[in-house]
């Protein structure tokens, strides 16, 4: 029988993961403000890796060589574990830090400040008047906060939710019924493979990453199989809601 890729065992599975907020895939949000003739244009984009964030910063630098500064910050990972900021020639702490703080602290639609997998780049065109450290901090912060509010207004924010993945083996004559009954209770059936002898089906299932949903799946499989089948943990995946 063809098998799915082996997943971690029950003890290897990650801890229950909390949902967090992301930008819609492919969305690019732009917002611009002006302070004493200096223009601050924020561009937001979703990223999965630091190299992707760095590449986008460099792409914008090449696209807008007339901007004096290309300041940036990013937050990446389900636990927001990777965070970076860059002043790009502005006085230390006046650009990258307030950009990062806006990403960290702006409240999202769910009520939490939990935005991640995002890079913000703020382009500054100097207007001829020095703003001072306080003015710079305020301008960079306000430009990013405004972009985040625009993303919300445009419906470009999503909840990224962890799903637990399991495999179950079913008699091939029962596989269709099992799939239908599981789907009817909200379980996602993501793939089915069949043994070469046509006797067994291996069904891959996903449920929200909570103890309640995991226990309920075990209960449903026990009921379908008269207690003869136990779901095998096969990893974790993230989906946007």
C-alpha atoms as a PDB file:
ATOM      1  CA  UNK A   1       0.000   0.000   0.000  1.00  0.00           C
ATOM      2  CA  UNK A   2       1.264   3.468  -0.845  1.00  0.00           C
ATOM      3  CA  UNK A   3       1.773   5.442   2.351  1.00  0.00           C
ATOM      4  CA  UNK A   4       1.853   9.114   3.167  1.00  0.00           C
ATOM      5  CA  UNK A   5       5.119  10.614   4.388  1.00  0.00           C
ATOM      6  CA  UNK A   6       5.782   9.556   7.939  1.00  0.00           C
ATOM      7  CA  UNK A   7       4.793  12.146  10.506  1.00  0.00           C
ATOM      8  CA  UNK A   8       5.943  12.640  14.080  1.00  0.00           C
ATOM      9  CA  UNK A   9       4.764  10.360  16.823  1.00  0.00           C
ATOM     10  CA  UNK A  10       2.335  11.570  19.439  1.00  0.00           C
ATOM     11  CA  UNK A  11       5.174  12.617  21.743  1.00  0.00           C
ATOM     12  CA  UNK A  12       6.902  14.470  18.890  1.00  0.00           C
ATOM     13  CA  UNK A  13       3.929  16.624  17.958  1.00  0.00           C
ATOM     14  CA  UNK A  14       4.294  20.349  18.699  1.00  0.00           C
ATOM     15  CA  UNK A  15       2.437  21.894  21.575  1.00  0.00           C
ATOM     16  CA  UNK A  16      -1.039  23.220  20.858  1.00  0.00           C
ATOM     17  CA  UNK A  17      -0.507  26.313  18.718  1.00  0.00           C
ATOM     18  CA  UNK A  18      -2.429  29.549  19.019  1.00  0.00           C
ATOM     19  CA  UNK A  19      -3.942  31.216  15.958  1.00  0.00           C
ATOM     20  CA  UNK A  20      -2.362  34.491  14.890  1.00  0.00           C
ATOM     21  CA  UNK A  21      -3.068  37.253  12.367  1.00  0.00           C
ATOM     22  CA  UNK A  22      -1.483  37.526   8.919  1.00  0.00           C
ATOM     23  CA  UNK A  23      -1.974  39.585   5.798  1.00  0.00           C
ATOM     24  CA  UNK A  24      -3.863  37.933   2.968  1.00  0.00           C
ATOM     25  CA  UNK A  25      -1.585  35.983   0.670  1.00  0.00           C
ATOM     26  CA  UNK A  26      -0.384  38.242  -2.144  1.00  0.00           C
ATOM     27  CA  UNK A  27      -1.681  41.456  -0.567  1.00  0.00           C
ATOM     28  CA  UNK A  28       0.517  44.567  -0.677  1.00  0.00           C
ATOM     29  CA  UNK A  29      -0.730  47.458   1.420  1.00  0.00           C
ATOM     30  CA  UNK A  30       0.459  51.035   0.850  1.00  0.00           C
ATOM     31  CA  UNK A  31      -0.096  54.075   3.041  1.00  0.00           C
ATOM     32  CA  UNK A  32       1.593  57.475   2.898  1.00  0.00           C
ATOM     33  CA  UNK A  33       1.718  60.430   5.268  1.00  0.00           C
ATOM     34  CA  UNK A  34       3.517  63.776   5.134  1.00  0.00           C
ATOM     35  CA  UNK A  35       5.322  65.569   7.961  1.00  0.00           C
ATOM     36  CA  UNK A  36       6.856  68.994   7.318  1.00  0.00           C
ATOM     37  CA  UNK A  37       7.192  68.204   3.611  1.00  0.00           C
ATOM     38  CA  UNK A  38       8.871  64.830   4.232  1.00  0.00           C
ATOM     39  CA  UNK A  39       6.894  61.922   2.776  1.00  0.00           C
ATOM     40  CA  UNK A  40       6.724  58.588   4.588  1.00  0.00           C
ATOM     41  CA  UNK A  41       5.324  55.763   2.481  1.00  0.00           C
ATOM     42  CA  UNK A  42       4.723  52.405   4.178  1.00  0.00           C
ATOM     43  CA  UNK A  43       4.456  49.183   2.195  1.00  0.00           C
ATOM     44  CA  UNK A  44       3.333  45.992   3.938  1.00  0.00           C
ATOM     45  CA  UNK A  45       3.663  42.473   2.632  1.00  0.00           C
ATOM     46  CA  UNK A  46       3.274  38.961   3.938  1.00  0.00           C
ATOM     47  CA  UNK A  47       6.431  36.839   4.128  1.00  0.00           C
ATOM     48  CA  UNK A  48       7.245  33.334   5.339  1.00  0.00           C
ATOM     49  CA  UNK A  49      11.030  33.624   5.746  1.00  0.00           C
ATOM     50  CA  UNK A  50      13.616  36.266   6.615  1.00  0.00           C
ATOM     51  CA  UNK A  51      15.290  35.914   3.219  1.00  0.00           C
ATOM     52  CA  UNK A  52      11.964  36.802   1.599  1.00  0.00           C
ATOM     53  CA  UNK A  53      11.699  39.936   3.754  1.00  0.00           C
ATOM     54  CA  UNK A  54      15.264  40.981   2.933  1.00  0.00           C
ATOM     55  CA  UNK A  55      14.687  40.404  -0.766  1.00  0.00           C
ATOM     56  CA  UNK A  56      11.592  42.601  -0.773  1.00  0.00           C
ATOM     57  CA  UNK A  57      13.421  45.425   1.036  1.00  0.00           C
ATOM     58  CA  UNK A  58      16.128  45.327  -1.630  1.00  0.00           C
ATOM     59  CA  UNK A  59      13.546  45.227  -4.411  1.00  0.00           C
ATOM     60  CA  UNK A  60      11.929  48.401  -3.066  1.00  0.00           C
ATOM     61  CA  UNK A  61      15.332  50.037  -2.661  1.00  0.00           C
ATOM     62  CA  UNK A  62      16.028  49.440  -6.350  1.00  0.00           C
ATOM     63  CA  UNK A  63      12.528  50.534  -7.368  1.00  0.00           C
ATOM     64  CA  UNK A  64      12.731  53.806  -5.400  1.00  0.00           C
ATOM     65  CA  UNK A  65      16.349  55.024  -5.520  1.00  0.00           C
ATOM     66  CA  UNK A  66      15.158  58.611  -5.063  1.00  0.00           C
ATOM     67  CA  UNK A  67      13.954  57.900  -1.510  1.00  0.00           C
ATOM     68  CA  UNK A  68      16.591  58.947   1.024  1.00  0.00           C
ATOM     69  CA  UNK A  69      15.815  56.125   3.468  1.00  0.00           C
ATOM     70  CA  UNK A  70      14.368  52.620   3.106  1.00  0.00           C
ATOM     71  CA  UNK A  71      13.704  51.673   6.732  1.00  0.00           C
ATOM     72  CA  UNK A  72      12.194  48.328   7.628  1.00  0.00           C
ATOM     73  CA  UNK A  73      11.127  45.785  10.214  1.00  0.00           C
ATOM     74  CA  UNK A  74       9.644  42.312  10.152  1.00  0.00           C
ATOM     75  CA  UNK A  75       8.000  39.814  12.452  1.00  0.00           C
ATOM     76  CA  UNK A  76       7.966  36.141  11.436  1.00  0.00           C
ATOM     77  CA  UNK A  77       6.738  32.881  12.948  1.00  0.00           C
ATOM     78  CA  UNK A  78       3.710  31.548  14.848  1.00  0.00           C
ATOM     79  CA  UNK A  79       5.231  32.745  18.121  1.00  0.00           C
ATOM     80  CA  UNK A  80       6.647  35.911  16.485  1.00  0.00           C
ATOM     81  CA  UNK A  81      10.041  34.464  17.309  1.00  0.00           C
ATOM     82  CA  UNK A  82      11.966  36.286  14.565  1.00  0.00           C
ATOM     83  CA  UNK A  83      11.975  40.090  14.777  1.00  0.00           C
ATOM     84  CA  UNK A  84      14.324  42.540  13.069  1.00  0.00           C
ATOM     85  CA  UNK A  85      14.454  46.283  12.452  1.00  0.00           C
ATOM     86  CA  UNK A  86      16.716  48.558  10.397  1.00  0.00           C
ATOM     87  CA  UNK A  87      17.157  52.351  10.545  1.00  0.00           C
ATOM     88  CA  UNK A  88      18.864  52.638   7.129  1.00  0.00           C
ATOM     89  CA  UNK A  89      20.756  55.806   7.940  1.00  0.00           C
ATOM     90  CA  UNK A  90      18.230  57.493  10.210  1.00  0.00           C
ATOM     91  CA  UNK A  91      19.440  58.268  13.756  1.00  0.00           C
ATOM     92  CA  UNK A  92      19.614  55.068  15.792  1.00  0.00           C
ATOM     93  CA  UNK A  93      16.250  54.022  17.208  1.00  0.00           C
ATOM     94  CA  UNK A  94      14.179  56.603  15.318  1.00  0.00           C
ATOM     95  CA  UNK A  95      12.956  54.459  12.407  1.00  0.00           C
ATOM     96  CA  UNK A  96      13.367  50.682  12.647  1.00  0.00           C
ATOM     97  CA  UNK A  97      12.336  50.480  16.297  1.00  0.00           C
ATOM     98  CA  UNK A  98       9.054  52.421  15.912  1.00  0.00           C
ATOM     99  CA  UNK A  99       8.231  50.437  12.754  1.00  0.00           C
ATOM    100  CA  UNK A 100       8.749  47.204  14.669  1.00  0.00           C
ATOM    101  CA  UNK A 101       6.772  48.485  17.660  1.00  0.00           C
ATOM    102  CA  UNK A 102       3.805  49.283  15.405  1.00  0.00           C
ATOM    103  CA  UNK A 103       3.871  45.732  14.029  1.00  0.00           C
ATOM    104  CA  UNK A 104       4.154  44.316  17.539  1.00  0.00           C
ATOM    105  CA  UNK A 105       1.537  46.404  19.317  1.00  0.00           C
ATOM    106  CA  UNK A 106      -1.256  47.302  16.874  1.00  0.00           C
ATOM    107  CA  UNK A 107      -4.456  45.489  17.834  1.00  0.00           C
ATOM    108  CA  UNK A 108      -5.836  43.122  15.222  1.00  0.00           C
ATOM    109  CA  UNK A 109      -9.513  42.265  14.513  1.00  0.00           C
ATOM    110  CA  UNK A 110      -9.539  39.445  17.071  1.00  0.00           C
ATOM    111  CA  UNK A 111      -8.619  41.878  19.842  1.00  0.00           C
ATOM    112  CA  UNK A 112      -5.006  40.767  20.263  1.00  0.00           C
ATOM    113  CA  UNK A 113      -1.774  42.320  19.029  1.00  0.00           C
ATOM    114  CA  UNK A 114      -0.728  39.131  17.228  1.00  0.00           C
ATOM    115  CA  UNK A 115       0.288  40.095  13.681  1.00  0.00           C
ATOM    116  CA  UNK A 116       3.132  38.007  12.258  1.00  0.00           C
ATOM    117  CA  UNK A 117       4.680  36.840   8.972  1.00  0.00           C
ATOM    118  CA  UNK A 118       4.854  40.465   7.857  1.00  0.00           C
ATOM    119  CA  UNK A 119       7.454  42.940   6.638  1.00  0.00           C
ATOM    120  CA  UNK A 120       6.997  46.716   6.692  1.00  0.00           C
ATOM    121  CA  UNK A 121       9.183  49.017   4.618  1.00  0.00           C
ATOM    122  CA  UNK A 122       8.914  52.780   5.044  1.00  0.00           C
ATOM    123  CA  UNK A 123      10.357  54.935   2.275  1.00  0.00           C
ATOM    124  CA  UNK A 124      11.211  58.498   3.251  1.00  0.00           C
ATOM    125  CA  UNK A 125      11.597  61.368   0.844  1.00  0.00           C
ATOM    126  CA  UNK A 126      13.270  64.219   2.730  1.00  0.00           C
ATOM    127  CA  UNK A 127      11.372  67.489   2.608  1.00  0.00           C
ATOM    128  CA  UNK A 128      14.176  69.822   3.643  1.00  0.00           C
ATOM    129  CA  UNK A 129      13.222  70.266   7.300  1.00  0.00           C
ATOM    130  CA  UNK A 130      14.744  68.205  10.107  1.00  0.00           C
ATOM    131  CA  UNK A 131      12.096  66.519  12.251  1.00  0.00           C
ATOM    132  CA  UNK A 132      14.237  65.662  15.262  1.00  0.00           C
ATOM    133  CA  UNK A 133      14.263  62.263  16.984  1.00  0.00           C
ATOM    134  CA  UNK A 134      10.750  62.603  18.406  1.00  0.00           C
ATOM    135  CA  UNK A 135       9.307  63.713  15.097  1.00  0.00           C
ATOM    136  CA  UNK A 136      10.917  60.810  13.270  1.00  0.00           C
ATOM    137  CA  UNK A 137       9.661  58.245  15.770  1.00  0.00           C
ATOM    138  CA  UNK A 138       6.146  59.652  15.493  1.00  0.00           C
ATOM    139  CA  UNK A 139       6.208  59.759  11.685  1.00  0.00           C
ATOM    140  CA  UNK A 140       7.491  56.230  11.185  1.00  0.00           C
ATOM    141  CA  UNK A 141       5.108  54.835  13.786  1.00  0.00           C
ATOM    142  CA  UNK A 142       2.074  56.661  12.405  1.00  0.00           C
ATOM    143  CA  UNK A 143       2.820  55.648   8.827  1.00  0.00           C
ATOM    144  CA  UNK A 144       2.950  51.935   9.705  1.00  0.00           C
ATOM    145  CA  UNK A 145      -0.074  52.115  12.004  1.00  0.00           C
ATOM    146  CA  UNK A 146      -2.012  53.802   9.209  1.00  0.00           C
ATOM    147  CA  UNK A 147      -1.042  51.030   6.791  1.00  0.00           C
ATOM    148  CA  UNK A 148      -2.226  48.385   9.258  1.00  0.00           C
ATOM    149  CA  UNK A 149      -5.544  50.166   9.668  1.00  0.00           C
ATOM    150  CA  UNK A 150      -5.874  50.301   5.889  1.00  0.00           C
ATOM    151  CA  UNK A 151      -5.241  46.542   5.682  1.00  0.00           C
ATOM    152  CA  UNK A 152      -8.058  46.038   8.154  1.00  0.00           C
ATOM    153  CA  UNK A 153     -10.423  48.352   6.274  1.00  0.00           C
ATOM    154  CA  UNK A 154      -9.686  46.523   3.008  1.00  0.00           C
ATOM    155  CA  UNK A 155     -10.387  43.120   4.556  1.00  0.00           C
ATOM    156  CA  UNK A 156      -6.805  41.978   4.016  1.00  0.00           C
ATOM    157  CA  UNK A 157      -6.230  40.377   7.433  1.00  0.00           C
ATOM    158  CA  UNK A 158      -6.672  36.661   8.108  1.00  0.00           C
ATOM    159  CA  UNK A 159      -6.495  34.372  11.118  1.00  0.00           C
ATOM    160  CA  UNK A 160      -3.807  31.732  10.594  1.00  0.00           C
ATOM    161  CA  UNK A 161      -4.848  28.564  12.380  1.00  0.00           C
ATOM    162  CA  UNK A 162      -2.935  25.407  13.180  1.00  0.00           C
ATOM    163  CA  UNK A 163      -4.439  22.061  12.180  1.00  0.00           C
ATOM    164  CA  UNK A 164      -3.472  18.654  13.562  1.00  0.00           C
ATOM    165  CA  UNK A 165      -3.015  16.019  10.851  1.00  0.00           C
ATOM    166  CA  UNK A 166      -3.844  12.332  11.329  1.00  0.00           C
ATOM    167  CA  UNK A 167      -3.891   9.214   9.176  1.00  0.00           C
ATOM    168  CA  UNK A 168      -6.425   6.412   9.576  1.00  0.00           C
ATOM    169  CA  UNK A 169      -6.709   3.082   7.781  1.00  0.00           C
ATOM    170  CA  UNK A 170     -10.180   1.968   6.750  1.00  0.00           C
ATOM    171  CA  UNK A 171     -11.521  -1.067   4.928  1.00  0.00           C
ATOM    172  CA  UNK A 172     -11.921   0.098   1.358  1.00  0.00           C
ATOM    173  CA  UNK A 173     -15.612  -0.815   1.345  1.00  0.00           C
ATOM    174  CA  UNK A 174     -16.130   1.552   4.315  1.00  0.00           C
ATOM    175  CA  UNK A 175     -13.819   4.383   3.240  1.00  0.00           C
ATOM    176  CA  UNK A 176     -16.441   6.449   1.420  1.00  0.00           C
ATOM    177  CA  UNK A 177     -18.889   6.261   4.309  1.00  0.00           C
ATOM    178  CA  UNK A 178     -16.196   7.189   6.823  1.00  0.00           C
ATOM    179  CA  UNK A 179     -15.150  10.184   4.745  1.00  0.00           C
ATOM    180  CA  UNK A 180     -18.732  11.432   4.387  1.00  0.00           C
ATOM    181  CA  UNK A 181     -19.499  11.059   8.084  1.00  0.00           C
ATOM    182  CA  UNK A 182     -16.265  12.766   9.116  1.00  0.00           C
ATOM    183  CA  UNK A 183     -16.810  15.658   6.704  1.00  0.00           C
ATOM    184  CA  UNK A 184     -20.337  16.090   8.062  1.00  0.00           C
ATOM    185  CA  UNK A 185     -18.869  16.720  11.526  1.00  0.00           C
ATOM    186  CA  UNK A 186     -16.339  19.307  10.308  1.00  0.00           C
ATOM    187  CA  UNK A 187     -13.281  17.083   9.893  1.00  0.00           C
ATOM    188  CA  UNK A 188     -11.221  17.945   6.796  1.00  0.00           C
ATOM    189  CA  UNK A 189     -10.435  14.979   4.541  1.00  0.00           C
ATOM    190  CA  UNK A 190      -7.354  16.079   2.609  1.00  0.00           C
ATOM    191  CA  UNK A 191      -6.236  12.908   0.792  1.00  0.00           C
ATOM    192  CA  UNK A 192      -6.975   9.219   0.338  1.00  0.00           C
ATOM    193  CA  UNK A 193      -4.650   6.478  -0.911  1.00  0.00           C
ATOM    194  CA  UNK A 194      -5.473   2.844  -1.637  1.00  0.00           C
ATOM    195  CA  UNK A 195      -3.554  -0.373  -1.081  1.00  0.00           C
ATOM    196  CA  UNK A 196      -2.341  -2.289  -4.109  1.00  0.00           C
ATOM    197  CA  UNK A 197      -4.602  -5.216  -3.253  1.00  0.00           C
ATOM    198  CA  UNK A 198      -7.662  -2.966  -3.061  1.00  0.00           C
ATOM    199  CA  UNK A 199      -8.479  -3.957   0.505  1.00  0.00           C
ATOM    200  CA  UNK A 200      -7.509  -0.879   2.529  1.00  0.00           C
ATOM    201  CA  UNK A 201      -7.681   2.894   2.226  1.00  0.00           C
ATOM    202  CA  UNK A 202      -5.462   5.325   4.102  1.00  0.00           C
ATOM    203  CA  UNK A 203      -7.257   8.582   4.788  1.00  0.00           C
ATOM    204  CA  UNK A 204      -5.505  11.791   5.819  1.00  0.00           C
ATOM    205  CA  UNK A 205      -7.540  14.034   8.123  1.00  0.00           C
ATOM    206  CA  UNK A 206      -7.107  17.480   9.669  1.00  0.00           C
ATOM    207  CA  UNK A 207      -8.787  19.005  12.720  1.00  0.00           C
ATOM    208  CA  UNK A 208      -8.241  22.312  14.553  1.00  0.00           C
ATOM    209  CA  UNK A 209      -5.247  22.177  16.885  1.00  0.00           C
ATOM    210  CA  UNK A 210      -7.096  21.839  20.194  1.00  0.00           C
ATOM    211  CA  UNK A 211      -7.345  19.013  22.702  1.00  0.00           C
ATOM    212  CA  UNK A 212     -11.140  19.001  22.388  1.00  0.00           C
ATOM    213  CA  UNK A 213     -11.032  18.516  18.598  1.00  0.00           C
ATOM    214  CA  UNK A 214      -8.298  15.886  18.830  1.00  0.00           C
ATOM    215  CA  UNK A 215     -10.198  13.877  21.425  1.00  0.00           C
ATOM    216  CA  UNK A 216     -13.419  14.188  19.432  1.00  0.00           C
ATOM    217  CA  UNK A 217     -11.689  12.829  16.326  1.00  0.00           C
ATOM    218  CA  UNK A 218     -10.451   9.824  18.289  1.00  0.00           C
ATOM    219  CA  UNK A 219     -13.989   9.251  19.568  1.00  0.00           C
ATOM    220  CA  UNK A 220     -15.477   9.417  16.069  1.00  0.00           C
ATOM    221  CA  UNK A 221     -12.917   7.019  14.601  1.00  0.00           C
ATOM    222  CA  UNK A 222     -13.506   4.594  17.473  1.00  0.00           C
ATOM    223  CA  UNK A 223     -17.241   4.714  16.777  1.00  0.00           C
ATOM    224  CA  UNK A 224     -16.788   4.181  13.027  1.00  0.00           C
ATOM    225  CA  UNK A 225     -14.358   1.293  13.479  1.00  0.00           C
ATOM    226  CA  UNK A 226     -15.909  -0.373  16.534  1.00  0.00           C
ATOM    227  CA  UNK A 227     -12.754   0.520  18.436  1.00  0.00           C
ATOM    228  CA  UNK A 228     -10.337  -1.209  16.060  1.00  0.00           C
ATOM    229  CA  UNK A 229      -8.668   1.896  14.536  1.00  0.00           C
ATOM    230  CA  UNK A 230      -6.709   4.659  16.276  1.00  0.00           C
ATOM    231  CA  UNK A 231      -5.724   7.831  14.350  1.00  0.00           C
ATOM    232  CA  UNK A 232      -1.973   8.082  13.758  1.00  0.00           C
ATOM    233  CA  UNK A 233      -0.467  11.573  14.259  1.00  0.00           C
ATOM    234  CA  UNK A 234       1.024  12.832  10.972  1.00  0.00           C
ATOM    235  CA  UNK A 235       2.136  16.366  11.758  1.00  0.00           C
ATOM    236  CA  UNK A 236       0.741  19.873  11.625  1.00  0.00           C
ATOM    237  CA  UNK A 237      -0.258  22.377   8.960  1.00  0.00           C
ATOM    238  CA  UNK A 238      -1.368  26.005   8.976  1.00  0.00           C
ATOM    239  CA  UNK A 239      -4.386  27.383   7.150  1.00  0.00           C
ATOM    240  CA  UNK A 240      -5.813  30.873   6.693  1.00  0.00           C
ATOM    241  CA  UNK A 241      -9.350  31.561   7.843  1.00  0.00           C
END
